[in-house]
Amino acid sequence: MTTTSTLRPGLRDFYENPAVPVASGTPRTLRQARMLATALGPATGTPRTVLDLGCGDGTAAATAAPLLSGHRIVGVDWSQDALTRARTHLSYPVRGELGGGGLPFRTACADAVLFSEVIEHLVDPDAALDEIRRVLRPGGHLLLSTPNLAAWYNRALLLAGVQPVFSEVSLRAIHGRPGREVVGHLRLYTARALREFVAASGFEIVEMQGAPFHGVPRTLRPLDRLACARPSVASILLLHARRT
């Protein structure tokens, strides 16, 4: 989900393209879903409401759904094409965006927000977290994931003078870094920067975990999984925070 009011036509077209990758893989989705399931606890009585902001085609929510049984997952995206595809996975797809007039939800309506692989695409992440804080009830949970600028291989690449993985210099082609997919990242975070940014936006940091990245070459995947034990060098950052 991107602030559409700030997009030029070419950038809007880029994010509307179904071929553009929208997630870092099933292992990340499952790890994040387990974190959320632990935070929410078992569903008893009234279902908890989880907003999946930037839900894309809904496959990530569908993967997480068995771990969130009894809770209500509402998928939100500004792309009508994405929502059309998401309807095969989600019972509650809603069109909305973080910019402009804000999300189409009342204040303090949600028990949790999933914000997966979105913040790195935003022009104005400050406004996005303000809006997330508005729709979360006091004590509500934010589960955010984003690529790690300081992943173990990026540290080595920078020492060699190579552009880091996950970073972009163009929306048309890859230049100066490994990989074959243009993913449209506008901002990247280290573990320290992400903690500080989210805390400054009115959230209490609960925990941070690491997750692997499916794009790592097969021979290096065991090392990538080992790096998850130390989030500061993991491929993907998984942050759990609560609205203060």
C-alpha atoms as a PDB file:
ATOM      1  CA  MET A   1       0.000   0.000   0.000  1.00  0.00           C
ATOM      2  CA  THR A   2       1.432   3.345  -1.049  1.00  0.00           C
ATOM      3  CA  THR A   3       0.310   6.917  -0.605  1.00  0.00           C
ATOM      4  CA  THR A   4      -1.359   7.376  -3.970  1.00  0.00           C
ATOM      5  CA  SER A   5      -1.651  11.132  -3.716  1.00  0.00           C
ATOM      6  CA  THR A   6       2.142  11.393  -3.991  1.00  0.00           C
ATOM      7  CA  LEU A   7       2.612   8.915  -6.855  1.00  0.00           C
ATOM      8  CA  ARG A   8       3.463   9.947 -10.377  1.00  0.00           C
ATOM      9  CA  PRO A   9       1.650   7.897 -13.052  1.00  0.00           C
ATOM     10  CA  GLY A  10       4.728   5.760 -13.775  1.00  0.00           C
ATOM     11  CA  LEU A  11       5.123   4.807 -10.120  1.00  0.00           C
ATOM     12  CA  ARG A  12       1.416   4.030  -9.766  1.00  0.00           C
ATOM     13  CA  ASP A  13       1.644   1.761 -12.813  1.00  0.00           C
ATOM     14  CA  PHE A  14       4.637   0.014 -11.265  1.00  0.00           C
ATOM     15  CA  TYR A  15       2.751  -0.862  -8.070  1.00  0.00           C
ATOM     16  CA  GLU A  16      -0.366  -1.906  -9.987  1.00  0.00           C
ATOM     17  CA  ASN A  17       1.654  -4.466 -11.955  1.00  0.00           C
ATOM     18  CA  PRO A  18       0.740  -7.979 -10.662  1.00  0.00           C
ATOM     19  CA  ALA A  19       4.209  -9.232 -11.626  1.00  0.00           C
ATOM     20  CA  VAL A  20       5.931  -7.010  -9.054  1.00  0.00           C
ATOM     21  CA  PRO A  21       6.930  -9.160  -6.042  1.00  0.00           C
ATOM     22  CA  VAL A  22       5.041  -8.188  -2.888  1.00  0.00           C
ATOM     23  CA  ALA A  23       6.443 -10.396  -0.117  1.00  0.00           C
ATOM     24  CA  SER A  24       9.677 -11.902   1.164  1.00  0.00           C
ATOM     25  CA  GLY A  25       8.390 -15.477   1.306  1.00  0.00           C
ATOM     26  CA  THR A  26       6.298 -17.944   3.300  1.00  0.00           C
ATOM     27  CA  PRO A  27       8.826 -18.385   6.174  1.00  0.00           C
ATOM     28  CA  ARG A  28       8.520 -14.671   6.987  1.00  0.00           C
ATOM     29  CA  THR A  29       4.732 -14.838   6.835  1.00  0.00           C
ATOM     30  CA  LEU A  30       4.575 -17.802   9.195  1.00  0.00           C
ATOM     31  CA  ARG A  31       7.011 -16.315  11.711  1.00  0.00           C
ATOM     32  CA  GLN A  32       5.074 -13.071  11.773  1.00  0.00           C
ATOM     33  CA  ALA A  33       1.755 -14.906  12.116  1.00  0.00           C
ATOM     34  CA  ARG A  34       3.100 -16.855  15.095  1.00  0.00           C
ATOM     35  CA  MET A  35       4.163 -13.604  16.749  1.00  0.00           C
ATOM     36  CA  LEU A  36       0.685 -12.168  16.227  1.00  0.00           C
ATOM     37  CA  ALA A  37      -1.068 -15.320  17.411  1.00  0.00           C
ATOM     38  CA  THR A  38       0.982 -15.256  20.617  1.00  0.00           C
ATOM     39  CA  ALA A  39       0.198 -11.564  21.144  1.00  0.00           C
ATOM     40  CA  LEU A  40      -3.563 -11.997  20.623  1.00  0.00           C
ATOM     41  CA  GLY A  41      -3.925 -15.300  22.450  1.00  0.00           C
ATOM     42  CA  PRO A  42      -6.669 -17.825  21.705  1.00  0.00           C
ATOM     43  CA  ALA A  43      -9.928 -16.514  20.264  1.00  0.00           C
ATOM     44  CA  THR A  44     -12.608 -16.534  22.951  1.00  0.00           C
ATOM     45  CA  GLY A  45     -15.904 -14.685  22.762  1.00  0.00           C
ATOM     46  CA  THR A  46     -15.838 -11.754  20.337  1.00  0.00           C
ATOM     47  CA  PRO A  47     -13.263 -12.206  17.529  1.00  0.00           C
ATOM     48  CA  ARG A  48     -10.353  -9.787  17.486  1.00  0.00           C
ATOM     49  CA  THR A  49     -10.073  -7.575  14.407  1.00  0.00           C
ATOM     50  CA  VAL A  50      -6.783  -7.696  12.489  1.00  0.00           C
ATOM     51  CA  LEU A  51      -6.175  -5.192   9.675  1.00  0.00           C
ATOM     52  CA  ASP A  52      -3.743  -6.480   7.040  1.00  0.00           C
ATOM     53  CA  LEU A  53      -2.603  -3.176   5.506  1.00  0.00           C
ATOM     54  CA  GLY A  54      -1.184  -3.614   2.031  1.00  0.00           C
ATOM     55  CA  CYS A  55      -2.641  -7.115   1.764  1.00  0.00           C
ATOM     56  CA  GLY A  56      -1.834  -7.481  -1.941  1.00  0.00           C
ATOM     57  CA  ASP A  57      -3.440 -10.577  -3.423  1.00  0.00           C
ATOM     58  CA  GLY A  58      -4.234 -11.987   0.024  1.00  0.00           C
ATOM     59  CA  THR A  59      -1.901 -14.983  -0.128  1.00  0.00           C
ATOM     60  CA  ALA A  60       0.068 -13.901   2.951  1.00  0.00           C
ATOM     61  CA  ALA A  61      -3.133 -13.527   4.993  1.00  0.00           C
ATOM     62  CA  ALA A  62      -4.313 -16.915   3.753  1.00  0.00           C
ATOM     63  CA  THR A  63      -1.036 -18.465   4.908  1.00  0.00           C
ATOM     64  CA  ALA A  64      -1.402 -16.843   8.335  1.00  0.00           C
ATOM     65  CA  ALA A  65      -5.125 -17.560   8.768  1.00  0.00           C
ATOM     66  CA  PRO A  66      -4.787 -21.087  10.268  1.00  0.00           C
ATOM     67  CA  LEU A  67      -2.652 -19.628  13.062  1.00  0.00           C
ATOM     68  CA  LEU A  68      -5.215 -16.861  13.672  1.00  0.00           C
ATOM     69  CA  SER A  69      -8.301 -19.060  13.769  1.00  0.00           C
ATOM     70  CA  GLY A  70     -11.296 -17.312  15.321  1.00  0.00           C
ATOM     71  CA  HIS A  71      -9.976 -13.824  14.621  1.00  0.00           C
ATOM     72  CA  ARG A  72     -11.297 -11.555  11.856  1.00  0.00           C
ATOM     73  CA  ILE A  73      -8.728 -10.599   9.195  1.00  0.00           C
ATOM     74  CA  VAL A  74      -9.610  -7.546   7.113  1.00  0.00           C
ATOM     75  CA  GLY A  75      -7.429  -7.081   4.039  1.00  0.00           C
ATOM     76  CA  VAL A  76      -6.794  -3.491   2.954  1.00  0.00           C
ATOM     77  CA  ASP A  77      -5.120  -2.280  -0.231  1.00  0.00           C
ATOM     78  CA  TRP A  78      -5.467   0.700  -2.583  1.00  0.00           C
ATOM     79  CA  SER A  79      -4.968  -1.451  -5.688  1.00  0.00           C
ATOM     80  CA  GLN A  80      -8.298  -2.595  -7.083  1.00  0.00           C
ATOM     81  CA  ASP A  81      -6.530  -5.323  -9.057  1.00  0.00           C
ATOM     82  CA  ALA A  82      -4.949  -6.681  -5.866  1.00  0.00           C
ATOM     83  CA  LEU A  83      -8.293  -6.665  -4.043  1.00  0.00           C
ATOM     84  CA  THR A  84      -9.979  -8.510  -6.894  1.00  0.00           C
ATOM     85  CA  ARG A  85      -7.439 -11.295  -6.510  1.00  0.00           C
ATOM     86  CA  ALA A  86      -7.560 -11.094  -2.703  1.00  0.00           C
ATOM     87  CA  ARG A  87     -11.260 -11.961  -2.638  1.00  0.00           C
ATOM     88  CA  THR A  88     -10.354 -15.599  -3.272  1.00  0.00           C
ATOM     89  CA  HIS A  89      -8.393 -15.630   0.016  1.00  0.00           C
ATOM     90  CA  LEU A  90     -10.052 -13.050   2.251  1.00  0.00           C
ATOM     91  CA  SER A  91     -13.609 -12.687   3.551  1.00  0.00           C
ATOM     92  CA  TYR A  92     -13.178  -8.974   4.208  1.00  0.00           C
ATOM     93  CA  PRO A  93     -11.262  -7.130   1.434  1.00  0.00           C
ATOM     94  CA  VAL A  94     -11.504  -3.315   1.739  1.00  0.00           C
ATOM     95  CA  ARG A  95     -10.143  -0.593  -0.506  1.00  0.00           C
ATOM     96  CA  GLY A  96      -8.210   2.049   1.411  1.00  0.00           C
ATOM     97  CA  GLU A  97      -4.955   3.949   1.595  1.00  0.00           C
ATOM     98  CA  LEU A  98      -2.763   5.473   4.258  1.00  0.00           C
ATOM     99  CA  GLY A  99      -2.521   8.843   2.550  1.00  0.00           C
ATOM    100  CA  GLY A 100      -5.138  11.344   1.471  1.00  0.00           C
ATOM    101  CA  GLY A 101      -8.196  11.006   3.693  1.00  0.00           C
ATOM    102  CA  GLY A 102      -6.758   8.089   5.642  1.00  0.00           C
ATOM    103  CA  LEU A 103      -8.077   4.587   6.214  1.00  0.00           C
ATOM    104  CA  PRO A 104     -11.857   3.977   6.032  1.00  0.00           C
ATOM    105  CA  PHE A 105     -12.066   2.870   9.666  1.00  0.00           C
ATOM    106  CA  ARG A 106     -13.101   4.591  12.871  1.00  0.00           C
ATOM    107  CA  THR A 107     -10.583   5.443  15.561  1.00  0.00           C
ATOM    108  CA  ALA A 108      -9.491   2.608  17.896  1.00  0.00           C
ATOM    109  CA  CYS A 109     -11.382  -0.052  15.934  1.00  0.00           C
ATOM    110  CA  ALA A 110      -8.620  -2.632  15.470  1.00  0.00           C
ATOM    111  CA  ASP A 111      -6.942  -5.010  17.901  1.00  0.00           C
ATOM    112  CA  ALA A 112      -3.929  -5.555  15.643  1.00  0.00           C
ATOM    113  CA  VAL A 113      -2.385  -4.336  12.412  1.00  0.00           C
ATOM    114  CA  LEU A 114      -0.254  -6.438  10.075  1.00  0.00           C
ATOM    115  CA  PHE A 115       2.072  -4.170   8.122  1.00  0.00           C
ATOM    116  CA  SER A 116       4.152  -6.549   6.037  1.00  0.00           C
ATOM    117  CA  GLU A 117       6.639  -5.477   3.370  1.00  0.00           C
ATOM    118  CA  VAL A 118       4.935  -2.084   2.993  1.00  0.00           C
ATOM    119  CA  ILE A 119       6.843   0.575   4.891  1.00  0.00           C
ATOM    120  CA  GLU A 120       9.872   0.337   2.597  1.00  0.00           C
ATOM    121  CA  HIS A 121       7.622   1.444  -0.306  1.00  0.00           C
ATOM    122  CA  LEU A 122       6.181   4.561   1.338  1.00  0.00           C
ATOM    123  CA  VAL A 123       6.948   8.183   0.578  1.00  0.00           C
ATOM    124  CA  ASP A 124       5.686   9.289   4.023  1.00  0.00           C
ATOM    125  CA  PRO A 125       6.126   6.532   6.627  1.00  0.00           C
ATOM    126  CA  ASP A 126       5.571   9.003   9.481  1.00  0.00           C
ATOM    127  CA  ALA A 127       2.004   9.697   8.344  1.00  0.00           C
ATOM    128  CA  ALA A 128       1.453   5.969   7.855  1.00  0.00           C
ATOM    129  CA  LEU A 129       2.362   5.132  11.453  1.00  0.00           C
ATOM    130  CA  ASP A 130       0.225   8.035  12.694  1.00  0.00           C
ATOM    131  CA  GLU A 131      -2.749   6.539  10.861  1.00  0.00           C
ATOM    132  CA  ILE A 132      -2.003   3.041  12.134  1.00  0.00           C
ATOM    133  CA  ARG A 133      -1.842   4.391  15.672  1.00  0.00           C
ATOM    134  CA  ARG A 134      -5.208   6.077  15.154  1.00  0.00           C
ATOM    135  CA  VAL A 135      -7.043   2.899  14.114  1.00  0.00           C
ATOM    136  CA  LEU A 136      -5.460   0.726  16.820  1.00  0.00           C
ATOM    137  CA  ARG A 137      -7.118   0.549  20.204  1.00  0.00           C
ATOM    138  CA  PRO A 138      -4.918   1.440  23.221  1.00  0.00           C
ATOM    139  CA  GLY A 139      -2.645  -1.543  23.790  1.00  0.00           C
ATOM    140  CA  GLY A 140      -3.312  -2.815  20.257  1.00  0.00           C
ATOM    141  CA  HIS A 141      -0.583  -4.675  18.428  1.00  0.00           C
ATOM    142  CA  LEU A 142       1.494  -3.639  15.420  1.00  0.00           C
ATOM    143  CA  LEU A 143       3.297  -6.451  13.579  1.00  0.00           C
ATOM    144  CA  LEU A 144       5.627  -4.866  11.047  1.00  0.00           C
ATOM    145  CA  SER A 145       8.091  -6.543   8.704  1.00  0.00           C
ATOM    146  CA  THR A 146      10.630  -4.995   6.353  1.00  0.00           C
ATOM    147  CA  PRO A 147      13.945  -5.911   4.694  1.00  0.00           C
ATOM    148  CA  ASN A 148      17.072  -5.260   6.736  1.00  0.00           C
ATOM    149  CA  LEU A 149      19.544  -2.828   5.214  1.00  0.00           C
ATOM    150  CA  ALA A 150      22.225  -4.279   7.517  1.00  0.00           C
ATOM    151  CA  ALA A 151      21.597  -7.948   6.600  1.00  0.00           C
ATOM    152  CA  TRP A 152      24.730 -10.064   6.897  1.00  0.00           C
ATOM    153  CA  TYR A 153      25.383 -10.173   3.139  1.00  0.00           C
ATOM    154  CA  ASN A 154      24.702  -6.446   2.693  1.00  0.00           C
ATOM    155  CA  ARG A 155      27.501  -5.663   5.125  1.00  0.00           C
ATOM    156  CA  ALA A 156      29.913  -7.656   2.975  1.00  0.00           C
ATOM    157  CA  LEU A 157      28.569  -6.149  -0.250  1.00  0.00           C
ATOM    158  CA  LEU A 158      29.050  -2.594   1.003  1.00  0.00           C
ATOM    159  CA  LEU A 159      32.634  -3.357   2.011  1.00  0.00           C
ATOM    160  CA  ALA A 160      33.179  -4.533  -1.573  1.00  0.00           C
ATOM    161  CA  GLY A 161      31.582  -1.377  -2.965  1.00  0.00           C
ATOM    162  CA  VAL A 162      28.466  -3.188  -4.213  1.00  0.00           C
ATOM    163  CA  GLN A 163      24.932  -1.770  -3.951  1.00  0.00           C
ATOM    164  CA  PRO A 164      23.039  -3.548  -1.103  1.00  0.00           C
ATOM    165  CA  VAL A 165      20.314  -6.086  -1.781  1.00  0.00           C
ATOM    166  CA  PHE A 166      16.783  -4.624  -1.330  1.00  0.00           C
ATOM    167  CA  SER A 167      17.936  -1.135  -2.379  1.00  0.00           C
ATOM    168  CA  GLU A 168      16.920   0.446  -5.674  1.00  0.00           C
ATOM    169  CA  VAL A 169      18.346   3.135  -7.929  1.00  0.00           C
ATOM    170  CA  SER A 170      15.769   2.692 -10.732  1.00  0.00           C
ATOM    171  CA  LEU A 171      12.274   1.313 -11.334  1.00  0.00           C
ATOM    172  CA  ARG A 172      13.277   0.104 -14.804  1.00  0.00           C
ATOM    173  CA  ALA A 173      16.223  -2.202 -14.167  1.00  0.00           C
ATOM    174  CA  ILE A 174      18.710  -3.544 -11.617  1.00  0.00           C
ATOM    175  CA  HIS A 175      21.912  -1.536 -11.404  1.00  0.00           C
ATOM    176  CA  GLY A 176      24.938  -2.371  -9.288  1.00  0.00           C
ATOM    177  CA  ARG A 177      23.434  -4.967  -6.966  1.00  0.00           C
ATOM    178  CA  PRO A 178      22.665  -8.718  -6.964  1.00  0.00           C
ATOM    179  CA  GLY A 179      19.173  -9.902  -7.862  1.00  0.00           C
ATOM    180  CA  ARG A 180      16.841  -9.954 -10.844  1.00  0.00           C
ATOM    181  CA  GLU A 181      13.672  -8.270  -9.524  1.00  0.00           C
ATOM    182  CA  VAL A 182      12.949  -4.551  -9.355  1.00  0.00           C
ATOM    183  CA  VAL A 183      10.872  -4.185  -6.183  1.00  0.00           C
ATOM    184  CA  GLY A 184      10.385  -0.434  -5.816  1.00  0.00           C
ATOM    185  CA  HIS A 185      11.845   0.143  -2.364  1.00  0.00           C
ATOM    186  CA  LEU A 186      12.053   3.803  -1.378  1.00  0.00           C
ATOM    187  CA  ARG A 187      13.315   3.429   2.214  1.00  0.00           C
ATOM    188  CA  LEU A 188      15.392   0.856   4.072  1.00  0.00           C
ATOM    189  CA  TYR A 189      15.906   0.331   7.802  1.00  0.00           C
ATOM    190  CA  THR A 190      18.427  -1.220  10.123  1.00  0.00           C
ATOM    191  CA  ALA A 191      17.155  -2.899  13.282  1.00  0.00           C
ATOM    192  CA  ARG A 192      18.202   0.079  15.395  1.00  0.00           C
ATOM    193  CA  ALA A 193      16.641   2.648  13.071  1.00  0.00           C
ATOM    194  CA  LEU A 194      13.360   0.717  12.889  1.00  0.00           C
ATOM    195  CA  ARG A 195      13.080   0.442  16.682  1.00  0.00           C
ATOM    196  CA  GLU A 196      13.781   4.138  17.165  1.00  0.00           C
ATOM    197  CA  PHE A 197      11.389   5.210  14.409  1.00  0.00           C
ATOM    198  CA  VAL A 198       8.471   3.100  15.636  1.00  0.00           C
ATOM    199  CA  ALA A 199       9.040   4.111  19.271  1.00  0.00           C
ATOM    200  CA  ALA A 200       9.106   7.797  18.297  1.00  0.00           C
ATOM    201  CA  SER A 201       5.729   7.297  16.586  1.00  0.00           C
ATOM    202  CA  GLY A 202       3.977   6.427  19.846  1.00  0.00           C
ATOM    203  CA  PHE A 203       4.542   2.693  20.173  1.00  0.00           C
ATOM    204  CA  GLU A 204       6.163   0.520  22.824  1.00  0.00           C
ATOM    205  CA  ILE A 205       8.595  -2.000  21.337  1.00  0.00           C
ATOM    206  CA  VAL A 206       7.779  -5.526  22.527  1.00  0.00           C
ATOM    207  CA  GLU A 207      10.257  -7.625  20.561  1.00  0.00           C
ATOM    208  CA  MET A 208      12.144  -7.971  17.326  1.00  0.00           C
ATOM    209  CA  GLN A 209      12.886 -11.191  15.471  1.00  0.00           C
ATOM    210  CA  GLY A 210      14.674 -12.064  12.272  1.00  0.00           C
ATOM    211  CA  ALA A 211      13.342 -13.996   9.275  1.00  0.00           C
ATOM    212  CA  PRO A 212      15.002 -15.508   6.179  1.00  0.00           C
ATOM    213  CA  PHE A 213      14.660 -14.196   2.641  1.00  0.00           C
ATOM    214  CA  HIS A 214      13.571 -16.539  -0.142  1.00  0.00           C
ATOM    215  CA  GLY A 215      15.799 -14.755  -2.655  1.00  0.00           C
ATOM    216  CA  VAL A 216      19.040 -15.823  -0.978  1.00  0.00           C
ATOM    217  CA  PRO A 217      20.923 -18.372  -3.157  1.00  0.00           C
ATOM    218  CA  ARG A 218      20.142 -21.956  -2.127  1.00  0.00           C
ATOM    219  CA  THR A 219      23.699 -22.693  -1.010  1.00  0.00           C
ATOM    220  CA  LEU A 220      23.595 -19.766   1.429  1.00  0.00           C
ATOM    221  CA  ARG A 221      20.142 -20.412   2.897  1.00  0.00           C
ATOM    222  CA  PRO A 222      21.399 -22.393   5.927  1.00  0.00           C
ATOM    223  CA  LEU A 223      23.547 -19.384   6.870  1.00  0.00           C
ATOM    224  CA  ASP A 224      20.610 -17.060   6.293  1.00  0.00           C
ATOM    225  CA  ARG A 225      18.468 -19.130   8.667  1.00  0.00           C
ATOM    226  CA  LEU A 226      21.215 -19.052  11.292  1.00  0.00           C
ATOM    227  CA  ALA A 227      21.366 -15.256  11.009  1.00  0.00           C
ATOM    228  CA  CYS A 228      17.724 -15.068  12.128  1.00  0.00           C
ATOM    229  CA  ALA A 229      18.887 -15.692  15.703  1.00  0.00           C
ATOM    230  CA  ARG A 230      20.433 -12.214  15.624  1.00  0.00           C
ATOM    231  CA  PRO A 231      17.869  -9.795  14.143  1.00  0.00           C
ATOM    232  CA  SER A 232      20.424  -7.039  13.535  1.00  0.00           C
ATOM    233  CA  VAL A 233      22.018  -9.169  10.778  1.00  0.00           C
ATOM    234  CA  ALA A 234      18.946 -11.133   9.613  1.00  0.00           C
ATOM    235  CA  SER A 235      17.525 -10.678   6.109  1.00  0.00           C
ATOM    236  CA  ILE A 236      14.088  -9.559   7.271  1.00  0.00           C
ATOM    237  CA  LEU A 237      13.147  -7.606  10.421  1.00  0.00           C
ATOM    238  CA  LEU A 238       9.980  -8.628  12.278  1.00  0.00           C
ATOM    239  CA  LEU A 239       8.905  -6.014  14.833  1.00  0.00           C
ATOM    240  CA  HIS A 240       6.138  -6.368  17.421  1.00  0.00           C
ATOM    241  CA  ALA A 241       5.055  -3.114  19.056  1.00  0.00           C
ATOM    242  CA  ARG A 242       2.038  -1.957  21.058  1.00  0.00           C
ATOM    243  CA  ARG A 243       0.133   1.305  20.878  1.00  0.00           C
ATOM    244  CA  THR A 244       0.892   3.254  24.050  1.00  0.00           C
END
